[in-house]
């Protein structure tokens, strides 16, 4: 966490101009928290992670500009030992990588600003199984990726930006997203395909950069 904080502060010092009229790029690191409406794929619990939005100023319309989003989410992990061998520990981590692009429609000025962003992209869900006991005794990390699937998805984000006079804007975003045709395993070993829905909350900052 200290390393992440240091990187964010360094980025602010290097990129911030303090004047919205001079910006060519906006970079927005954030913390993301997602709530799946139902259990699906490897998203069985609440997810949390890191994200970033990148907005490019086309130069002729302050209200409407292209945007790119990256998000990594972790849906928790389970640690289990083999029956009869409590020293052999296996950890299963459920995670997601999400990449989407679209338009950023925003009020460009004011102490409180609002925005709306329709986005679409690709979403990956997977489980990563690692042998913790092997790492403990040998120093090598063995891991195996299971159930990985790439799916198309769409999301709509709305939010508010707050100018507190320090250059970067505080950013609070609310997102509804739908991921299409995800394959989910039932407890009996069978599977089915269906669309999945999430609600996401993001908290971060938006940095103006030349």
N, C-alpha and C. Protein backbone atom coordinates (compact mmCIF):
# COMPACT_ATOMS: atom_id res chain seq x y z
N UNK A 1 0.82 -1.20 0.00
CA UNK A 1 0.00 0.00 0.00
C UNK A 1 0.85 1.26 0.00
N UNK A 2 2.01 1.23 0.72
CA UNK A 2 2.89 2.39 0.73
C UNK A 2 3.45 2.67 -0.66
N UNK A 3 3.78 1.58 -1.41
CA UNK A 3 4.31 1.77 -2.76
C UNK A 3 3.27 2.40 -3.67
N UNK A 4 2.02 1.94 -3.55
CA UNK A 4 0.95 2.50 -4.37
C UNK A 4 0.75 3.97 -4.07
N UNK A 5 0.74 4.32 -2.77
CA UNK A 5 0.57 5.72 -2.37
C UNK A 5 1.69 6.58 -2.92
N UNK A 6 2.94 6.09 -2.86
CA UNK A 6 4.08 6.84 -3.36
C UNK A 6 3.97 7.09 -4.85
N UNK A 7 3.56 6.07 -5.60
CA UNK A 7 3.42 6.20 -7.05
C UNK A 7 2.35 7.23 -7.40
N UNK A 8 1.21 7.19 -6.69
CA UNK A 8 0.13 8.14 -6.94
C UNK A 8 0.58 9.56 -6.67
N UNK A 9 1.27 9.79 -5.54
CA UNK A 9 1.74 11.13 -5.20
C UNK A 9 2.76 11.63 -6.21
N UNK A 10 3.64 10.74 -6.67
CA UNK A 10 4.64 11.13 -7.67
C UNK A 10 3.96 11.52 -8.97
N UNK A 11 2.93 10.76 -9.36
CA UNK A 11 2.21 11.07 -10.59
C UNK A 11 1.53 12.42 -10.51
N UNK A 12 0.99 12.74 -9.33
CA UNK A 12 0.34 14.04 -9.14
C UNK A 12 1.34 15.17 -9.32
N UNK A 13 2.50 15.03 -8.71
CA UNK A 13 3.52 16.08 -8.80
C UNK A 13 4.03 16.26 -10.22
N UNK A 14 4.15 15.16 -10.98
CA UNK A 14 4.71 15.24 -12.32
C UNK A 14 3.70 15.70 -13.36
N UNK A 15 2.42 15.37 -13.16
CA UNK A 15 1.45 15.56 -14.22
C UNK A 15 0.51 16.74 -14.01
N UNK A 16 0.30 17.13 -12.77
CA UNK A 16 -0.73 18.12 -12.49
C UNK A 16 -0.34 19.49 -13.00
N UNK A 17 -1.25 20.15 -13.70
CA UNK A 17 -1.03 21.52 -14.14
C UNK A 17 -1.86 22.51 -13.34
N UNK A 18 -3.03 22.05 -12.86
CA UNK A 18 -3.88 22.94 -12.08
C UNK A 18 -4.81 23.77 -12.92
N UNK A 19 -4.68 23.73 -14.26
CA UNK A 19 -5.53 24.53 -15.12
C UNK A 19 -6.19 23.62 -16.15
N UNK A 20 -7.51 23.49 -16.04
CA UNK A 20 -8.23 22.56 -16.91
C UNK A 20 -8.12 22.95 -18.38
N UNK A 21 -7.96 24.25 -18.68
CA UNK A 21 -7.94 24.69 -20.07
C UNK A 21 -6.68 24.23 -20.79
N UNK A 22 -5.60 23.85 -20.06
CA UNK A 22 -4.34 23.46 -20.67
C UNK A 22 -4.20 21.96 -20.86
N UNK A 23 -5.14 21.19 -20.40
CA UNK A 23 -4.91 19.76 -20.37
C UNK A 23 -5.12 19.11 -21.73
N UNK A 24 -4.29 18.10 -22.00
CA UNK A 24 -4.46 17.25 -23.17
C UNK A 24 -4.92 15.86 -22.73
N UNK A 25 -4.46 15.42 -21.57
CA UNK A 25 -4.83 14.12 -21.01
C UNK A 25 -5.41 14.30 -19.62
N UNK A 26 -6.28 13.39 -19.24
CA UNK A 26 -6.72 13.23 -17.86
C UNK A 26 -6.48 11.78 -17.46
N UNK A 27 -5.83 11.58 -16.33
CA UNK A 27 -5.54 10.25 -15.82
C UNK A 27 -6.20 10.11 -14.45
N UNK A 28 -6.97 9.04 -14.26
CA UNK A 28 -7.73 8.89 -13.03
C UNK A 28 -7.55 7.56 -12.35
N UNK A 29 -6.53 7.40 -11.48
CA UNK A 29 -6.42 6.17 -10.68
C UNK A 29 -7.54 6.11 -9.65
N UNK A 30 -8.03 4.91 -9.37
CA UNK A 30 -9.14 4.79 -8.42
C UNK A 30 -9.16 3.42 -7.76
N UNK A 31 -9.85 3.37 -6.64
CA UNK A 31 -10.20 2.11 -5.98
C UNK A 31 -11.59 1.71 -6.45
N UNK A 32 -11.76 0.43 -6.80
CA UNK A 32 -13.04 -0.03 -7.33
C UNK A 32 -13.61 -1.14 -6.45
N UNK A 33 -14.91 -1.08 -6.24
CA UNK A 33 -15.61 -2.09 -5.45
C UNK A 33 -16.85 -2.50 -6.25
N UNK A 34 -17.03 -3.81 -6.46
CA UNK A 34 -18.13 -4.26 -7.29
C UNK A 34 -19.00 -5.27 -6.56
N UNK A 35 -20.28 -5.20 -6.85
CA UNK A 35 -21.27 -6.09 -6.25
C UNK A 35 -21.98 -6.86 -7.36
N UNK A 36 -21.71 -8.16 -7.54
CA UNK A 36 -22.44 -8.96 -8.52
C UNK A 36 -23.88 -9.17 -8.06
N UNK A 37 -24.83 -8.99 -8.96
CA UNK A 37 -26.23 -9.20 -8.61
C UNK A 37 -26.54 -10.66 -8.32
N UNK A 38 -25.73 -11.56 -8.87
CA UNK A 38 -25.87 -12.99 -8.58
C UNK A 38 -24.51 -13.65 -8.80
N UNK A 39 -24.33 -14.83 -8.24
CA UNK A 39 -23.07 -15.53 -8.38
C UNK A 39 -22.91 -16.03 -9.81
N UNK A 40 -21.73 -15.78 -10.39
CA UNK A 40 -21.46 -16.26 -11.74
C UNK A 40 -19.96 -16.44 -11.94
N UNK A 41 -19.60 -17.36 -12.82
CA UNK A 41 -18.20 -17.62 -13.17
C UNK A 41 -17.34 -17.65 -11.91
N UNK A 42 -16.30 -16.82 -11.88
CA UNK A 42 -15.42 -16.76 -10.72
C UNK A 42 -15.70 -15.53 -9.85
N UNK A 43 -16.81 -14.87 -10.09
CA UNK A 43 -17.21 -13.73 -9.28
C UNK A 43 -18.29 -14.17 -8.30
N UNK A 44 -17.86 -14.81 -7.23
CA UNK A 44 -18.79 -15.41 -6.28
C UNK A 44 -19.07 -14.51 -5.08
N UNK A 45 -18.22 -13.48 -4.87
CA UNK A 45 -18.38 -12.59 -3.72
C UNK A 45 -18.16 -11.16 -4.17
N UNK A 46 -18.20 -10.23 -3.23
CA UNK A 46 -17.87 -8.84 -3.55
C UNK A 46 -16.45 -8.74 -4.08
N UNK A 47 -16.24 -7.88 -5.06
CA UNK A 47 -14.92 -7.70 -5.64
C UNK A 47 -14.35 -6.33 -5.27
N UNK A 48 -13.03 -6.27 -5.17
CA UNK A 48 -12.37 -5.00 -4.91
C UNK A 48 -11.03 -4.99 -5.63
N UNK A 49 -10.56 -3.80 -6.00
CA UNK A 49 -9.30 -3.74 -6.71
C UNK A 49 -8.95 -2.33 -7.13
N UNK A 50 -8.08 -2.23 -8.13
CA UNK A 50 -7.56 -0.96 -8.62
C UNK A 50 -7.98 -0.75 -10.06
N UNK A 51 -8.21 0.51 -10.40
CA UNK A 51 -8.58 0.85 -11.77
C UNK A 51 -7.97 2.17 -12.18
N UNK A 52 -8.11 2.49 -13.45
CA UNK A 52 -7.64 3.78 -13.96
C UNK A 52 -8.44 4.13 -15.21
N UNK A 53 -8.75 5.42 -15.34
CA UNK A 53 -9.39 5.91 -16.55
C UNK A 53 -8.44 6.90 -17.22
N UNK A 54 -8.40 6.86 -18.55
CA UNK A 54 -7.56 7.76 -19.32
C UNK A 54 -8.46 8.48 -20.33
N UNK A 55 -8.47 9.80 -20.28
CA UNK A 55 -9.33 10.61 -21.14
C UNK A 55 -8.44 11.53 -21.98
N UNK A 56 -8.73 11.60 -23.27
CA UNK A 56 -7.95 12.43 -24.18
C UNK A 56 -8.78 13.60 -24.66
N UNK A 57 -8.22 14.80 -24.55
CA UNK A 57 -8.90 16.01 -24.99
C UNK A 57 -8.69 16.20 -26.49
N UNK A 58 -9.74 16.11 -27.27
CA UNK A 58 -9.64 16.26 -28.71
C UNK A 58 -9.32 17.69 -29.13
N UNK A 59 -9.56 18.64 -28.24
CA UNK A 59 -9.18 20.02 -28.52
C UNK A 59 -10.28 20.91 -29.03
N UNK A 60 -11.43 20.35 -29.41
CA UNK A 60 -12.49 21.20 -29.95
C UNK A 60 -13.82 21.02 -29.22
N UNK A 61 -13.89 20.11 -28.27
CA UNK A 61 -15.13 19.93 -27.52
C UNK A 61 -14.79 19.53 -26.09
N UNK A 62 -14.94 20.44 -25.12
CA UNK A 62 -14.61 20.14 -23.74
C UNK A 62 -15.59 19.18 -23.09
N UNK A 63 -16.79 19.09 -23.65
CA UNK A 63 -17.82 18.25 -23.04
C UNK A 63 -17.71 16.78 -23.44
N UNK A 64 -17.18 16.50 -24.62
CA UNK A 64 -17.21 15.15 -25.18
C UNK A 64 -15.82 14.73 -25.64
N UNK A 65 -15.29 13.62 -25.06
CA UNK A 65 -13.96 13.16 -25.40
C UNK A 65 -13.87 11.63 -25.27
N UNK A 66 -12.93 10.98 -25.98
CA UNK A 66 -12.77 9.53 -25.86
C UNK A 66 -12.13 9.14 -24.53
N UNK A 67 -12.41 7.91 -24.09
CA UNK A 67 -11.95 7.45 -22.78
C UNK A 67 -11.61 5.96 -22.84
N UNK A 68 -10.60 5.56 -22.04
CA UNK A 68 -10.17 4.17 -21.92
C UNK A 68 -10.08 3.81 -20.45
N UNK A 69 -10.62 2.65 -20.06
CA UNK A 69 -10.62 2.21 -18.66
C UNK A 69 -9.90 0.87 -18.51
N UNK A 70 -9.10 0.76 -17.43
CA UNK A 70 -8.49 -0.51 -17.03
C UNK A 70 -8.93 -0.80 -15.59
N UNK A 71 -9.29 -2.05 -15.30
CA UNK A 71 -9.68 -2.41 -13.93
C UNK A 71 -9.17 -3.82 -13.62
N UNK A 72 -8.58 -3.98 -12.44
CA UNK A 72 -8.26 -5.30 -11.90
C UNK A 72 -9.08 -5.49 -10.63
N UNK A 73 -9.78 -6.62 -10.53
CA UNK A 73 -10.61 -6.92 -9.37
C UNK A 73 -10.26 -8.28 -8.79
N UNK A 74 -10.27 -8.37 -7.48
CA UNK A 74 -10.10 -9.64 -6.79
C UNK A 74 -11.39 -9.96 -6.07
N UNK A 75 -11.88 -11.18 -6.29
CA UNK A 75 -13.12 -11.62 -5.65
C UNK A 75 -12.84 -12.54 -4.46
N UNK A 76 -11.71 -12.32 -3.81
CA UNK A 76 -11.40 -13.08 -2.62
C UNK A 76 -10.61 -14.33 -2.93
N UNK A 77 -10.12 -14.99 -1.89
CA UNK A 77 -9.33 -16.21 -2.05
C UNK A 77 -9.66 -17.19 -0.92
N UNK A 78 -9.42 -18.47 -1.20
CA UNK A 78 -9.63 -19.54 -0.22
C UNK A 78 -8.33 -20.31 -0.04
N UNK A 79 -7.99 -20.61 1.21
CA UNK A 79 -6.81 -21.42 1.52
C UNK A 79 -7.29 -22.73 2.12
N UNK A 80 -6.85 -23.83 1.54
CA UNK A 80 -7.27 -25.16 1.99
C UNK A 80 -6.06 -26.08 2.07
N UNK A 81 -6.08 -26.96 3.06
CA UNK A 81 -5.04 -27.99 3.19
C UNK A 81 -5.61 -29.33 2.79
N UNK A 82 -4.75 -30.21 2.30
CA UNK A 82 -5.19 -31.53 1.89
C UNK A 82 -5.59 -32.36 3.11
N UNK A 83 -6.60 -33.21 2.99
CA UNK A 83 -6.98 -34.08 4.10
C UNK A 83 -5.82 -34.97 4.55
N UNK A 84 -5.51 -34.95 5.82
CA UNK A 84 -4.43 -35.76 6.36
C UNK A 84 -3.07 -35.12 6.25
N UNK A 85 -2.99 -33.93 5.60
CA UNK A 85 -1.70 -33.25 5.47
C UNK A 85 -1.92 -31.75 5.64
N UNK A 86 -1.97 -31.27 6.89
CA UNK A 86 -2.26 -29.87 7.15
C UNK A 86 -1.17 -28.92 6.69
N UNK A 87 0.02 -29.44 6.34
CA UNK A 87 1.13 -28.59 5.92
C UNK A 87 1.12 -28.32 4.41
N UNK A 88 0.27 -29.03 3.69
CA UNK A 88 0.18 -28.82 2.24
C UNK A 88 -1.01 -27.89 1.99
N UNK A 89 -0.71 -26.62 1.72
CA UNK A 89 -1.74 -25.59 1.61
C UNK A 89 -1.85 -25.12 0.16
N UNK A 90 -3.07 -25.08 -0.33
CA UNK A 90 -3.36 -24.60 -1.68
C UNK A 90 -4.29 -23.40 -1.58
N UNK A 91 -3.93 -22.32 -2.28
CA UNK A 91 -4.75 -21.11 -2.28
C UNK A 91 -5.39 -20.92 -3.65
N UNK A 92 -6.69 -20.62 -3.66
CA UNK A 92 -7.42 -20.34 -4.89
C UNK A 92 -7.89 -18.88 -4.85
N UNK A 93 -7.45 -18.12 -5.84
CA UNK A 93 -7.80 -16.70 -5.92
C UNK A 93 -8.65 -16.44 -7.16
N UNK A 94 -9.80 -15.81 -6.98
CA UNK A 94 -10.69 -15.47 -8.09
C UNK A 94 -10.47 -14.01 -8.46
N UNK A 95 -10.29 -13.74 -9.76
CA UNK A 95 -9.96 -12.38 -10.16
C UNK A 95 -10.50 -12.06 -11.54
N UNK A 96 -10.45 -10.76 -11.87
CA UNK A 96 -10.97 -10.30 -13.16
C UNK A 96 -10.13 -9.14 -13.67
N UNK A 97 -9.88 -9.14 -14.99
CA UNK A 97 -9.25 -8.02 -15.68
C UNK A 97 -10.27 -7.46 -16.67
N UNK A 98 -10.43 -6.14 -16.66
CA UNK A 98 -11.45 -5.54 -17.50
C UNK A 98 -10.87 -4.36 -18.28
N UNK A 99 -11.15 -4.32 -19.57
CA UNK A 99 -10.69 -3.24 -20.44
C UNK A 99 -11.88 -2.75 -21.24
N UNK A 100 -12.15 -1.46 -21.20
CA UNK A 100 -13.29 -0.91 -21.93
C UNK A 100 -12.95 0.48 -22.46
N UNK A 101 -13.67 0.87 -23.49
CA UNK A 101 -13.45 2.18 -24.10
C UNK A 101 -14.79 2.76 -24.53
N UNK A 102 -14.82 4.07 -24.70
CA UNK A 102 -16.06 4.72 -25.07
C UNK A 102 -15.93 6.23 -25.01
N UNK A 103 -17.01 6.90 -24.63
CA UNK A 103 -17.05 8.36 -24.59
C UNK A 103 -17.19 8.84 -23.17
N UNK A 104 -16.57 9.98 -22.89
CA UNK A 104 -16.67 10.63 -21.58
C UNK A 104 -17.37 11.97 -21.80
N UNK A 105 -18.59 12.07 -21.30
CA UNK A 105 -19.40 13.29 -21.44
C UNK A 105 -19.42 13.98 -20.09
N UNK A 106 -18.81 15.18 -20.00
CA UNK A 106 -18.60 15.77 -18.68
C UNK A 106 -18.77 17.28 -18.71
N UNK A 107 -19.27 17.81 -17.61
CA UNK A 107 -19.27 19.26 -17.39
C UNK A 107 -17.82 19.67 -17.12
N UNK A 108 -17.22 20.53 -17.93
CA UNK A 108 -15.77 20.76 -17.84
C UNK A 108 -15.32 21.69 -16.72
N UNK A 109 -16.20 22.51 -16.16
CA UNK A 109 -15.76 23.50 -15.20
C UNK A 109 -16.71 23.53 -13.99
N UNK A 110 -16.22 24.16 -12.91
CA UNK A 110 -17.02 24.30 -11.70
C UNK A 110 -16.44 23.56 -10.52
N UNK A 111 -16.87 23.94 -9.32
CA UNK A 111 -16.41 23.26 -8.11
C UNK A 111 -16.94 21.83 -8.08
N UNK A 112 -18.21 21.66 -8.48
CA UNK A 112 -18.80 20.32 -8.58
C UNK A 112 -19.15 20.08 -10.04
N UNK A 113 -18.63 19.00 -10.61
CA UNK A 113 -18.87 18.66 -12.01
C UNK A 113 -19.47 17.26 -12.09
N UNK A 114 -20.20 17.00 -13.14
CA UNK A 114 -20.81 15.67 -13.31
C UNK A 114 -20.37 15.09 -14.65
N UNK A 115 -20.46 13.77 -14.76
CA UNK A 115 -20.09 13.13 -16.02
C UNK A 115 -20.90 11.85 -16.24
N UNK A 116 -20.93 11.45 -17.51
CA UNK A 116 -21.60 10.21 -17.92
C UNK A 116 -20.71 9.55 -18.97
N UNK A 117 -20.50 8.23 -18.86
CA UNK A 117 -19.59 7.54 -19.77
C UNK A 117 -20.17 6.20 -20.19
N UNK A 118 -20.69 6.09 -21.43
CA UNK A 118 -21.06 4.78 -21.99
C UNK A 118 -19.80 4.09 -22.53
N UNK A 119 -19.56 2.84 -22.10
CA UNK A 119 -18.33 2.14 -22.44
C UNK A 119 -18.64 0.70 -22.85
N UNK A 120 -17.73 0.11 -23.61
CA UNK A 120 -17.84 -1.30 -23.99
C UNK A 120 -16.44 -1.88 -24.11
N UNK A 121 -16.32 -3.20 -23.88
CA UNK A 121 -14.99 -3.79 -23.97
C UNK A 121 -14.98 -5.26 -23.67
N UNK A 122 -13.81 -5.76 -23.25
CA UNK A 122 -13.64 -7.18 -22.96
C UNK A 122 -13.36 -7.37 -21.47
N UNK A 123 -13.89 -8.47 -20.93
CA UNK A 123 -13.80 -8.77 -19.51
C UNK A 123 -13.27 -10.19 -19.36
N UNK A 124 -12.27 -10.37 -18.51
CA UNK A 124 -11.72 -11.70 -18.26
C UNK A 124 -11.99 -12.11 -16.82
N UNK A 125 -12.46 -13.35 -16.64
CA UNK A 125 -12.65 -13.92 -15.31
C UNK A 125 -11.87 -15.22 -15.24
N UNK A 126 -11.17 -15.46 -14.11
CA UNK A 126 -10.36 -16.66 -13.99
C UNK A 126 -10.11 -16.98 -12.52
N UNK A 127 -9.70 -18.21 -12.27
CA UNK A 127 -9.22 -18.63 -10.95
C UNK A 127 -7.74 -18.96 -11.06
N UNK A 128 -6.97 -18.55 -10.06
CA UNK A 128 -5.54 -18.84 -10.01
C UNK A 128 -5.29 -19.69 -8.77
N UNK A 129 -4.82 -20.91 -8.99
CA UNK A 129 -4.53 -21.85 -7.90
C UNK A 129 -3.03 -21.87 -7.68
N UNK A 130 -2.58 -21.61 -6.44
CA UNK A 130 -1.15 -21.59 -6.14
C UNK A 130 -0.84 -22.53 -4.99
N UNK A 131 0.35 -23.13 -5.05
CA UNK A 131 0.83 -24.07 -4.03
C UNK A 131 1.64 -23.29 -3.00
N UNK A 132 1.02 -22.96 -1.87
CA UNK A 132 1.68 -22.15 -0.86
C UNK A 132 2.79 -22.91 -0.14
N UNK A 133 2.61 -24.21 0.06
CA UNK A 133 3.62 -24.99 0.77
C UNK A 133 4.91 -25.09 -0.05
N UNK A 134 4.80 -25.19 -1.37
CA UNK A 134 5.98 -25.25 -2.22
C UNK A 134 6.80 -23.97 -2.10
N UNK A 135 6.11 -22.83 -2.05
CA UNK A 135 6.81 -21.55 -1.91
C UNK A 135 7.51 -21.45 -0.56
N UNK A 136 6.86 -21.97 0.48
CA UNK A 136 7.42 -21.90 1.83
C UNK A 136 8.74 -22.67 1.93
N UNK A 137 8.81 -23.82 1.27
CA UNK A 137 9.99 -24.68 1.42
C UNK A 137 11.06 -24.44 0.36
N UNK A 138 10.67 -23.97 -0.82
CA UNK A 138 11.64 -23.83 -1.91
C UNK A 138 11.85 -22.40 -2.37
N UNK A 139 10.91 -21.51 -2.05
CA UNK A 139 11.00 -20.13 -2.51
C UNK A 139 10.45 -19.92 -3.92
N UNK A 140 9.93 -20.97 -4.55
CA UNK A 140 9.36 -20.88 -5.89
C UNK A 140 7.83 -20.91 -5.79
N UNK A 141 7.20 -20.04 -6.57
CA UNK A 141 5.74 -19.96 -6.55
C UNK A 141 5.16 -20.75 -7.73
N UNK A 142 4.41 -21.81 -7.44
CA UNK A 142 3.72 -22.55 -8.50
C UNK A 142 2.27 -22.10 -8.54
N UNK A 143 1.79 -21.77 -9.73
CA UNK A 143 0.39 -21.38 -9.87
C UNK A 143 -0.17 -21.93 -11.17
N UNK A 144 -1.47 -22.11 -11.17
CA UNK A 144 -2.15 -22.68 -12.32
C UNK A 144 -3.44 -21.89 -12.54
N UNK A 145 -3.65 -21.39 -13.76
CA UNK A 145 -4.85 -20.62 -14.08
C UNK A 145 -5.94 -21.56 -14.59
N UNK A 146 -7.13 -21.42 -14.02
CA UNK A 146 -8.24 -22.31 -14.37
C UNK A 146 -9.49 -21.50 -14.67
N UNK A 147 -10.30 -22.02 -15.56
CA UNK A 147 -11.60 -21.42 -15.85
C UNK A 147 -11.53 -20.04 -16.44
N UNK A 148 -10.44 -19.71 -17.15
CA UNK A 148 -10.30 -18.37 -17.73
C UNK A 148 -11.24 -18.22 -18.92
N UNK A 149 -11.95 -17.11 -18.98
CA UNK A 149 -12.82 -16.84 -20.11
C UNK A 149 -12.88 -15.34 -20.39
N UNK A 150 -12.78 -15.00 -21.68
CA UNK A 150 -12.88 -13.62 -22.14
C UNK A 150 -14.27 -13.40 -22.72
N UNK A 151 -14.93 -12.32 -22.27
CA UNK A 151 -16.29 -12.05 -22.70
C UNK A 151 -16.45 -10.58 -23.04
N UNK A 152 -17.38 -10.31 -23.97
CA UNK A 152 -17.73 -8.93 -24.28
C UNK A 152 -18.63 -8.39 -23.17
N UNK A 153 -18.51 -7.09 -22.93
CA UNK A 153 -19.34 -6.46 -21.92
C UNK A 153 -19.58 -5.01 -22.23
N UNK A 154 -20.54 -4.43 -21.55
CA UNK A 154 -20.86 -3.01 -21.71
C UNK A 154 -21.14 -2.43 -20.33
N UNK A 155 -20.80 -1.17 -20.17
CA UNK A 155 -21.05 -0.52 -18.88
C UNK A 155 -21.41 0.95 -19.11
N UNK A 156 -22.14 1.48 -18.14
CA UNK A 156 -22.46 2.91 -18.12
C UNK A 156 -22.05 3.44 -16.76
N UNK A 157 -21.20 4.47 -16.75
CA UNK A 157 -20.76 5.06 -15.50
C UNK A 157 -21.18 6.53 -15.43
N UNK A 158 -21.70 6.90 -14.28
CA UNK A 158 -21.99 8.29 -13.99
C UNK A 158 -21.30 8.66 -12.69
N UNK A 159 -21.01 9.93 -12.52
CA UNK A 159 -20.32 10.31 -11.29
C UNK A 159 -20.17 11.80 -11.13
N UNK A 160 -19.43 12.16 -10.10
CA UNK A 160 -19.21 13.56 -9.76
C UNK A 160 -17.73 13.81 -9.52
N UNK A 161 -17.28 14.98 -9.94
CA UNK A 161 -15.92 15.44 -9.71
C UNK A 161 -15.97 16.68 -8.82
N UNK A 162 -15.07 16.73 -7.84
CA UNK A 162 -15.06 17.84 -6.88
C UNK A 162 -13.72 18.55 -6.95
N UNK A 163 -13.74 19.84 -7.23
CA UNK A 163 -12.52 20.65 -7.30
C UNK A 163 -12.28 21.25 -5.92
N UNK A 164 -11.25 20.76 -5.22
CA UNK A 164 -10.94 21.26 -3.87
C UNK A 164 -9.77 22.22 -3.88
N UNK A 165 -9.37 22.67 -5.07
CA UNK A 165 -8.35 23.71 -5.18
C UNK A 165 -6.92 23.23 -5.14
N UNK A 166 -6.69 21.91 -5.26
CA UNK A 166 -5.33 21.38 -5.21
C UNK A 166 -4.83 20.92 -6.57
N UNK A 167 -5.62 21.09 -7.62
CA UNK A 167 -5.24 20.63 -8.95
C UNK A 167 -6.02 19.39 -9.34
N UNK A 168 -5.70 18.21 -8.79
CA UNK A 168 -6.49 17.00 -9.08
C UNK A 168 -7.91 17.14 -8.54
N UNK A 169 -8.84 16.47 -9.20
CA UNK A 169 -10.23 16.48 -8.77
C UNK A 169 -10.55 15.17 -8.06
N UNK A 170 -11.33 15.27 -7.00
CA UNK A 170 -11.84 14.06 -6.35
C UNK A 170 -12.93 13.46 -7.23
N UNK A 171 -12.93 12.14 -7.37
CA UNK A 171 -13.80 11.45 -8.32
C UNK A 171 -14.59 10.36 -7.61
N UNK A 172 -15.91 10.43 -7.71
CA UNK A 172 -16.79 9.38 -7.21
C UNK A 172 -17.65 8.90 -8.37
N UNK A 173 -17.52 7.61 -8.70
CA UNK A 173 -18.25 7.07 -9.85
C UNK A 173 -19.14 5.89 -9.49
N UNK A 174 -20.26 5.76 -10.22
CA UNK A 174 -21.21 4.67 -10.02
C UNK A 174 -21.43 3.99 -11.37
N UNK A 175 -21.25 2.68 -11.41
CA UNK A 175 -21.26 1.97 -12.69
C UNK A 175 -22.23 0.79 -12.66
N UNK A 176 -23.01 0.68 -13.73
CA UNK A 176 -23.78 -0.53 -13.99
C UNK A 176 -23.15 -1.21 -15.20
N UNK A 177 -22.88 -2.50 -15.10
CA UNK A 177 -22.29 -3.20 -16.23
C UNK A 177 -22.95 -4.55 -16.46
N UNK A 178 -22.93 -4.96 -17.73
CA UNK A 178 -23.48 -6.27 -18.12
C UNK A 178 -22.42 -6.99 -18.95
N UNK A 179 -22.12 -8.23 -18.56
CA UNK A 179 -21.17 -9.07 -19.27
C UNK A 179 -21.95 -10.19 -19.94
N UNK A 180 -21.67 -10.42 -21.22
CA UNK A 180 -22.53 -11.29 -22.03
C UNK A 180 -22.01 -12.73 -22.09
N UNK A 181 -22.96 -13.65 -21.97
CA UNK A 181 -22.72 -15.06 -22.27
C UNK A 181 -21.62 -15.69 -21.42
N UNK A 182 -21.65 -15.44 -20.14
CA UNK A 182 -20.66 -16.03 -19.23
C UNK A 182 -21.04 -17.47 -18.90
N UNK A 183 -20.04 -18.34 -18.90
CA UNK A 183 -20.27 -19.73 -18.52
C UNK A 183 -20.03 -19.92 -17.03
N UNK A 184 -21.01 -20.47 -16.33
CA UNK A 184 -20.94 -20.66 -14.89
C UNK A 184 -21.13 -22.13 -14.55
N UNK A 185 -20.28 -22.64 -13.67
CA UNK A 185 -20.36 -24.03 -13.24
C UNK A 185 -21.34 -24.18 -12.08
N UNK A 186 -22.21 -25.17 -12.19
CA UNK A 186 -23.10 -25.50 -11.07
C UNK A 186 -22.37 -26.42 -10.09
N UNK A 187 -22.96 -26.56 -8.90
CA UNK A 187 -22.35 -27.42 -7.88
C UNK A 187 -22.31 -28.89 -8.31
N UNK A 188 -23.23 -29.29 -9.17
CA UNK A 188 -23.26 -30.69 -9.60
C UNK A 188 -22.30 -30.98 -10.76
N UNK A 189 -21.53 -29.97 -11.18
CA UNK A 189 -20.56 -30.17 -12.26
C UNK A 189 -21.04 -29.73 -13.62
N UNK A 190 -22.33 -29.51 -13.79
CA UNK A 190 -22.85 -29.03 -15.07
C UNK A 190 -22.62 -27.52 -15.18
N UNK A 191 -22.89 -26.95 -16.33
CA UNK A 191 -22.65 -25.52 -16.55
C UNK A 191 -23.80 -24.92 -17.35
N UNK A 192 -23.90 -23.61 -17.32
CA UNK A 192 -24.90 -22.90 -18.12
C UNK A 192 -24.32 -21.54 -18.51
N UNK A 193 -24.89 -20.94 -19.55
CA UNK A 193 -24.43 -19.64 -20.05
C UNK A 193 -25.54 -18.61 -19.88
N UNK A 194 -25.16 -17.42 -19.41
CA UNK A 194 -26.13 -16.35 -19.22
C UNK A 194 -25.38 -15.03 -19.09
N UNK A 195 -26.10 -13.93 -19.29
CA UNK A 195 -25.53 -12.61 -19.05
C UNK A 195 -25.44 -12.36 -17.55
N UNK A 196 -24.47 -11.55 -17.16
CA UNK A 196 -24.26 -11.25 -15.73
C UNK A 196 -24.25 -9.74 -15.53
N UNK A 197 -24.70 -9.31 -14.36
CA UNK A 197 -24.79 -7.89 -14.06
C UNK A 197 -24.03 -7.56 -12.78
N UNK A 198 -23.39 -6.39 -12.78
CA UNK A 198 -22.65 -5.89 -11.62
C UNK A 198 -23.05 -4.45 -11.36
N UNK A 199 -22.90 -4.04 -10.10
CA UNK A 199 -22.92 -2.63 -9.75
C UNK A 199 -21.57 -2.30 -9.13
N UNK A 200 -20.96 -1.20 -9.57
CA UNK A 200 -19.60 -0.87 -9.13
C UNK A 200 -19.53 0.55 -8.59
N UNK A 201 -18.76 0.71 -7.51
CA UNK A 201 -18.46 2.01 -6.93
C UNK A 201 -16.96 2.25 -7.04
N UNK A 202 -16.58 3.44 -7.51
CA UNK A 202 -15.15 3.77 -7.63
C UNK A 202 -14.88 5.09 -6.92
N UNK A 203 -13.75 5.14 -6.22
CA UNK A 203 -13.31 6.33 -5.49
C UNK A 203 -11.88 6.63 -5.91
N UNK A 204 -11.62 7.85 -6.37
CA UNK A 204 -10.28 8.16 -6.82
C UNK A 204 -10.07 9.64 -7.06
N UNK A 205 -9.08 9.95 -7.90
CA UNK A 205 -8.78 11.32 -8.27
C UNK A 205 -8.64 11.39 -9.78
N UNK A 206 -8.76 12.60 -10.33
CA UNK A 206 -8.57 12.83 -11.76
C UNK A 206 -7.51 13.90 -11.91
N UNK A 207 -6.44 13.56 -12.64
CA UNK A 207 -5.27 14.41 -12.77
C UNK A 207 -5.23 15.00 -14.17
N UNK A 208 -5.05 16.32 -14.27
CA UNK A 208 -4.86 16.97 -15.55
C UNK A 208 -3.40 16.87 -15.96
N UNK A 209 -3.17 16.48 -17.23
CA UNK A 209 -1.80 16.33 -17.71
C UNK A 209 -1.68 16.89 -19.11
N UNK A 210 -0.52 17.44 -19.43
CA UNK A 210 -0.27 17.98 -20.77
C UNK A 210 0.16 16.87 -21.71
